[in-house]
């Protein structure tokens, strides 16, 4: 899960800071982490958790 770049922002917004993944996934996830603004991701992650359709919020 941590190696899935589609979920990196969500995991960061939920407060996770340590990830375990296959070495081939590290570069892509690192790029997502470096681009992330965790201050904005925290409220967004809460919105995802409270959404009736979380997948639609994740797609934004």
PDB file of N, CA and C in Angstrom:
ATOM      1  N   UNK A   1       0.828  -1.194   0.000  1.00  0.00           N
ATOM      2  CA  UNK A   1       0.000   0.000   0.000  1.00  0.00           C
ATOM      3  C   UNK A   1       0.877   1.264   0.000  1.00  0.00           C
ATOM      4  N   UNK A   2       1.923   1.270   0.795  1.00  0.00           N
ATOM      5  CA  UNK A   2       2.775   2.460   0.875  1.00  0.00           C
ATOM      6  C   UNK A   2       3.474   2.744  -0.443  1.00  0.00           C
ATOM      7  N   UNK A   3       3.664   1.739  -1.256  1.00  0.00           N
ATOM      8  CA  UNK A   3       4.326   1.925  -2.535  1.00  0.00           C
ATOM      9  C   UNK A   3       3.410   2.387  -3.645  1.00  0.00           C
ATOM     10  N   UNK A   4       2.123   2.510  -3.335  1.00  0.00           N
ATOM     11  CA  UNK A   4       1.135   2.956  -4.326  1.00  0.00           C
ATOM     12  C   UNK A   4       1.084   4.479  -4.296  1.00  0.00           C
ATOM     13  N   UNK A   5       1.622   5.120  -5.323  1.00  0.00           N
ATOM     14  CA  UNK A   5       1.686   6.584  -5.328  1.00  0.00           C
ATOM     15  C   UNK A   5       0.310   7.239  -5.308  1.00  0.00           C
ATOM     16  N   UNK A   6      -0.717   6.514  -5.685  1.00  0.00           N
ATOM     17  CA  UNK A   6      -2.072   7.062  -5.625  1.00  0.00           C
ATOM     18  C   UNK A   6      -2.516   7.248  -4.171  1.00  0.00           C
ATOM     19  N   UNK A   7      -1.876   6.546  -3.246  1.00  0.00           N
ATOM     20  CA  UNK A   7      -2.262   6.632  -1.836  1.00  0.00           C
ATOM     21  C   UNK A   7      -1.241   7.376  -0.975  1.00  0.00           C
ATOM     22  N   UNK A   8      -0.140   7.803  -1.548  1.00  0.00           N
ATOM     23  CA  UNK A   8       0.908   8.462  -0.770  1.00  0.00           C
ATOM     24  C   UNK A   8       0.385   9.699  -0.057  1.00  0.00           C
ATOM     25  N   UNK A   9      -0.342  10.552  -0.760  1.00  0.00           N
ATOM     26  CA  UNK A   9      -0.871  11.782  -0.132  1.00  0.00           C
ATOM     27  C   UNK A   9      -1.819  11.453   1.011  1.00  0.00           C
ATOM     28  N   UNK A  10      -2.643  10.423   0.838  1.00  0.00           N
ATOM     29  CA  UNK A  10      -3.566  10.039   1.903  1.00  0.00           C
ATOM     30  C   UNK A  10      -2.796   9.566   3.128  1.00  0.00           C
ATOM     31  N   UNK A  11      -1.815   8.723   2.935  1.00  0.00           N
ATOM     32  CA  UNK A  11      -1.031   8.221   4.061  1.00  0.00           C
ATOM     33  C   UNK A  11      -0.316   9.353   4.788  1.00  0.00           C
ATOM     34  N   UNK A  12       0.225  10.309   4.046  1.00  0.00           N
ATOM     35  CA  UNK A  12       0.865  11.471   4.672  1.00  0.00           C
ATOM     36  C   UNK A  12      -0.154  12.302   5.444  1.00  0.00           C
ATOM     37  N   UNK A  13      -1.322  12.498   4.864  1.00  0.00           N
ATOM     38  CA  UNK A  13      -2.377  13.264   5.525  1.00  0.00           C
ATOM     39  C   UNK A  13      -2.877  12.605   6.793  1.00  0.00           C
ATOM     40  N   UNK A  14      -2.764  11.286   6.856  1.00  0.00           N
ATOM     41  CA  UNK A  14      -3.166  10.544   8.051  1.00  0.00           C
ATOM     42  C   UNK A  14      -2.070  10.532   9.111  1.00  0.00           C
ATOM     43  N   UNK A  15      -0.925  11.122   8.793  1.00  0.00           N
ATOM     44  CA  UNK A  15       0.145  11.255   9.768  1.00  0.00           C
ATOM     45  C   UNK A  15       1.269  10.242   9.651  1.00  0.00           C
ATOM     46  N   UNK A  16       1.201   9.352   8.696  1.00  0.00           N
ATOM     47  CA  UNK A  16       2.267   8.369   8.535  1.00  0.00           C
ATOM     48  C   UNK A  16       3.517   9.039   7.984  1.00  0.00           C
ATOM     49  N   UNK A  17       4.648   8.679   8.524  1.00  0.00           N
ATOM     50  CA  UNK A  17       5.912   9.260   8.079  1.00  0.00           C
ATOM     51  C   UNK A  17       6.960   8.195   7.766  1.00  0.00           C
ATOM     52  N   UNK A  18       6.638   6.951   8.003  1.00  0.00           N
ATOM     53  CA  UNK A  18       7.556   5.855   7.732  1.00  0.00           C
ATOM     54  C   UNK A  18       6.839   4.833   6.865  1.00  0.00           C
ATOM     55  N   UNK A  19       7.449   4.494   5.733  1.00  0.00           N
ATOM     56  CA  UNK A  19       6.812   3.598   4.775  1.00  0.00           C
ATOM     57  C   UNK A  19       7.732   2.425   4.463  1.00  0.00           C
ATOM     58  N   UNK A  20       7.136   1.295   4.176  1.00  0.00           N
ATOM     59  CA  UNK A  20       7.872   0.108   3.762  1.00  0.00           C
ATOM     60  C   UNK A  20       7.364  -0.295   2.383  1.00  0.00           C
ATOM     61  N   UNK A  21       8.298  -0.469   1.435  1.00  0.00           N
ATOM     62  CA  UNK A  21       7.887  -0.788   0.065  1.00  0.00           C
ATOM     63  C   UNK A  21       9.029  -1.463  -0.675  1.00  0.00           C
ATOM     64  N   UNK A  22       8.730  -1.970  -1.834  1.00  0.00           N
ATOM     65  CA  UNK A  22       9.734  -2.568  -2.710  1.00  0.00           C
ATOM     66  C   UNK A  22      10.674  -1.459  -3.182  1.00  0.00           C
ATOM     67  N   UNK A  23      11.968  -1.733  -3.255  1.00  0.00           N
ATOM     68  CA  UNK A  23      12.926  -0.702  -3.680  1.00  0.00           C
ATOM     69  C   UNK A  23      12.594  -0.032  -5.016  1.00  0.00           C
ATOM     70  N   UNK A  24      11.966  -0.730  -5.909  1.00  0.00           N
ATOM     71  CA  UNK A  24      11.627  -0.146  -7.214  1.00  0.00           C
ATOM     72  C   UNK A  24      10.595   0.973  -7.096  1.00  0.00           C
ATOM     73  N   UNK A  25       9.873   1.039  -5.985  1.00  0.00           N
ATOM     74  CA  UNK A  25       8.826   2.048  -5.808  1.00  0.00           C
ATOM     75  C   UNK A  25       9.317   3.298  -5.086  1.00  0.00           C
ATOM     76  N   UNK A  26      10.511   3.239  -4.531  1.00  0.00           N
ATOM     77  CA  UNK A  26      10.999   4.322  -3.676  1.00  0.00           C
ATOM     78  C   UNK A  26      11.065   5.663  -4.404  1.00  0.00           C
ATOM     79  N   UNK A  27      11.617   5.721  -5.585  1.00  0.00           N
ATOM     80  CA  UNK A  27      11.780   7.001  -6.284  1.00  0.00           C
ATOM     81  C   UNK A  27      10.444   7.690  -6.530  1.00  0.00           C
ATOM     82  N   UNK A  28       9.465   6.971  -7.018  1.00  0.00           N
ATOM     83  CA  UNK A  28       8.156   7.572  -7.307  1.00  0.00           C
ATOM     84  C   UNK A  28       7.492   8.074  -6.029  1.00  0.00           C
ATOM     85  N   UNK A  29       7.568   7.294  -4.960  1.00  0.00           N
ATOM     86  CA  UNK A  29       6.958   7.709  -3.693  1.00  0.00           C
ATOM     87  C   UNK A  29       7.721   8.899  -3.115  1.00  0.00           C
ATOM     88  N   UNK A  30       9.037   8.880  -3.205  1.00  0.00           N
ATOM     89  CA  UNK A  30       9.846   9.998  -2.707  1.00  0.00           C
ATOM     90  C   UNK A  30       9.458  11.297  -3.405  1.00  0.00           C
ATOM     91  N   UNK A  31       9.251  11.239  -4.706  1.00  0.00           N
ATOM     92  CA  UNK A  31       8.843  12.433  -5.445  1.00  0.00           C
ATOM     93  C   UNK A  31       7.493  12.949  -4.953  1.00  0.00           C
ATOM     94  N   UNK A  32       6.557  12.057  -4.676  1.00  0.00           N
ATOM     95  CA  UNK A  32       5.250  12.462  -4.146  1.00  0.00           C
ATOM     96  C   UNK A  32       5.406  13.108  -2.770  1.00  0.00           C
ATOM     97  N   UNK A  33       6.252  12.526  -1.935  1.00  0.00           N
ATOM     98  CA  UNK A  33       6.470  13.058  -0.584  1.00  0.00           C
ATOM     99  C   UNK A  33       7.074  14.457  -0.663  1.00  0.00           C
ATOM    100  N   UNK A  34       8.050  14.647  -1.525  1.00  0.00           N
ATOM    101  CA  UNK A  34       8.704  15.954  -1.644  1.00  0.00           C
ATOM    102  C   UNK A  34       7.764  17.031  -2.175  1.00  0.00           C
ATOM    103  N   UNK A  35       6.791  16.652  -2.977  1.00  0.00           N
ATOM    104  CA  UNK A  35       5.818  17.618  -3.519  1.00  0.00           C
ATOM    105  C   UNK A  35       4.667  17.898  -2.556  1.00  0.00           C
ATOM    106  N   UNK A  36       4.542  17.083  -1.538  1.00  0.00           N
ATOM    107  CA  UNK A  36       3.376  17.158  -0.653  1.00  0.00           C
ATOM    108  C   UNK A  36       3.459  18.330   0.321  1.00  0.00           C
ATOM    109  N   UNK A  37       2.316  18.925   0.576  1.00  0.00           N
ATOM    110  CA  UNK A  37       2.169  19.943   1.613  1.00  0.00           C
ATOM    111  C   UNK A  37       1.337  19.298   2.717  1.00  0.00           C
ATOM    112  N   UNK A  38       1.999  18.788   3.742  1.00  0.00           N
ATOM    113  CA  UNK A  38       1.286  18.022   4.767  1.00  0.00           C
ATOM    114  C   UNK A  38       0.267  18.862   5.526  1.00  0.00           C
ATOM    115  N   UNK A  39       0.483  20.160   5.597  1.00  0.00           N
ATOM    116  CA  UNK A  39      -0.496  21.026   6.252  1.00  0.00           C
ATOM    117  C   UNK A  39      -1.837  21.018   5.533  1.00  0.00           C
ATOM    118  N   UNK A  40      -1.801  20.924   4.216  1.00  0.00           N
ATOM    119  CA  UNK A  40      -3.035  20.869   3.430  1.00  0.00           C
ATOM    120  C   UNK A  40      -3.578  19.450   3.343  1.00  0.00           C
ATOM    121  N   UNK A  41      -2.700  18.471   3.469  1.00  0.00           N
ATOM    122  CA  UNK A  41      -3.134  17.084   3.322  1.00  0.00           C
ATOM    123  C   UNK A  41      -3.916  16.574   4.524  1.00  0.00           C
ATOM    124  N   UNK A  42      -3.642  17.089   5.695  1.00  0.00           N
ATOM    125  CA  UNK A  42      -4.344  16.610   6.891  1.00  0.00           C
ATOM    126  C   UNK A  42      -5.857  16.840   6.794  1.00  0.00           C
ATOM    127  N   UNK A  43      -6.333  18.062   6.505  1.00  0.00           N
ATOM    128  CA  UNK A  43      -7.785  18.248   6.374  1.00  0.00           C
ATOM    129  C   UNK A  43      -8.359  17.484   5.179  1.00  0.00           C
ATOM    130  N   UNK A  44      -7.587  17.373   4.103  1.00  0.00           N
ATOM    131  CA  UNK A  44      -8.044  16.621   2.931  1.00  0.00           C
ATOM    132  C   UNK A  44      -8.223  15.147   3.280  1.00  0.00           C
ATOM    133  N   UNK A  45      -7.291  14.581   4.035  1.00  0.00           N
ATOM    134  CA  UNK A  45      -7.396  13.173   4.437  1.00  0.00           C
ATOM    135  C   UNK A  45      -8.632  12.960   5.302  1.00  0.00           C
ATOM    136  N   UNK A  46      -8.945  13.917   6.158  1.00  0.00           N
ATOM    137  CA  UNK A  46     -10.148  13.815   6.986  1.00  0.00           C
ATOM    138  C   UNK A  46     -11.393  13.824   6.105  1.00  0.00           C
ATOM    139  N   UNK A  47     -11.394  14.634   5.063  1.00  0.00           N
ATOM    140  CA  UNK A  47     -12.500  14.662   4.106  1.00  0.00           C
ATOM    141  C   UNK A  47     -12.660  13.309   3.430  1.00  0.00           C
ATOM    142  N   UNK A  48     -11.550  12.688   3.066  1.00  0.00           N
ATOM    143  CA  UNK A  48     -11.600  11.359   2.441  1.00  0.00           C
ATOM    144  C   UNK A  48     -12.239  10.362   3.399  1.00  0.00           C
ATOM    145  N   UNK A  49     -11.829  10.402   4.659  1.00  0.00           N
ATOM    146  CA  UNK A  49     -12.361   9.458   5.646  1.00  0.00           C
ATOM    147  C   UNK A  49     -13.854   9.644   5.885  1.00  0.00           C
ATOM    148  N   UNK A  50     -14.323  10.873   5.809  1.00  0.00           N
ATOM    149  CA  UNK A  50     -15.727  11.163   6.093  1.00  0.00           C
ATOM    150  C   UNK A  50     -16.625  11.058   4.862  1.00  0.00           C
ATOM    151  N   UNK A  51     -16.044  10.929   3.694  1.00  0.00           N
ATOM    152  CA  UNK A  51     -16.815  10.920   2.445  1.00  0.00           C
ATOM    153  C   UNK A  51     -17.632   9.641   2.284  1.00  0.00           C
ATOM    154  N   UNK A  52     -18.812   9.796   1.684  1.00  0.00           N
ATOM    155  CA  UNK A  52     -19.632   8.632   1.345  1.00  0.00           C
ATOM    156  C   UNK A  52     -18.972   7.825   0.234  1.00  0.00           C
ATOM    157  N   UNK A  53     -18.273   8.508  -0.653  1.00  0.00           N
ATOM    158  CA  UNK A  53     -17.559   7.875  -1.771  1.00  0.00           C
ATOM    159  C   UNK A  53     -16.086   8.301  -1.716  1.00  0.00           C
ATOM    160  N   UNK A  54     -15.285   7.684  -0.842  1.00  0.00           N
ATOM    161  CA  UNK A  54     -13.883   8.098  -0.710  1.00  0.00           C
ATOM    162  C   UNK A  54     -13.102   8.058  -2.022  1.00  0.00           C
ATOM    163  N   UNK A  55     -13.415   7.131  -2.892  1.00  0.00           N
ATOM    164  CA  UNK A  55     -12.684   7.032  -4.162  1.00  0.00           C
ATOM    165  C   UNK A  55     -12.845   8.294  -4.999  1.00  0.00           C
ATOM    166  N   UNK A  56     -14.014   8.931  -4.921  1.00  0.00           N
ATOM    167  CA  UNK A  56     -14.226  10.152  -5.698  1.00  0.00           C
ATOM    168  C   UNK A  56     -13.394  11.304  -5.142  1.00  0.00           C
ATOM    169  N   UNK A  57     -13.190  11.343  -3.837  1.00  0.00           N
ATOM    170  CA  UNK A  57     -12.361  12.388  -3.231  1.00  0.00           C
ATOM    171  C   UNK A  57     -10.890  12.123  -3.545  1.00  0.00           C
ATOM    172  N   UNK A  58     -10.484  10.862  -3.522  1.00  0.00           N
ATOM    173  CA  UNK A  58      -9.096  10.511  -3.832  1.00  0.00           C
ATOM    174  C   UNK A  58      -8.729  10.892  -5.257  1.00  0.00           C
ATOM    175  N   UNK A  59      -9.690  10.852  -6.146  1.00  0.00           N
ATOM    176  CA  UNK A  59      -9.433  11.142  -7.557  1.00  0.00           C
ATOM    177  C   UNK A  59      -9.168  12.622  -7.808  1.00  0.00           C
ATOM    178  N   UNK A  60      -9.505  13.469  -6.877  1.00  0.00           N
ATOM    179  CA  UNK A  60      -9.326  14.918  -7.064  1.00  0.00           C
ATOM    180  C   UNK A  60      -7.883  15.317  -6.963  1.00  0.00           C
TER     181      UNK A  60
END
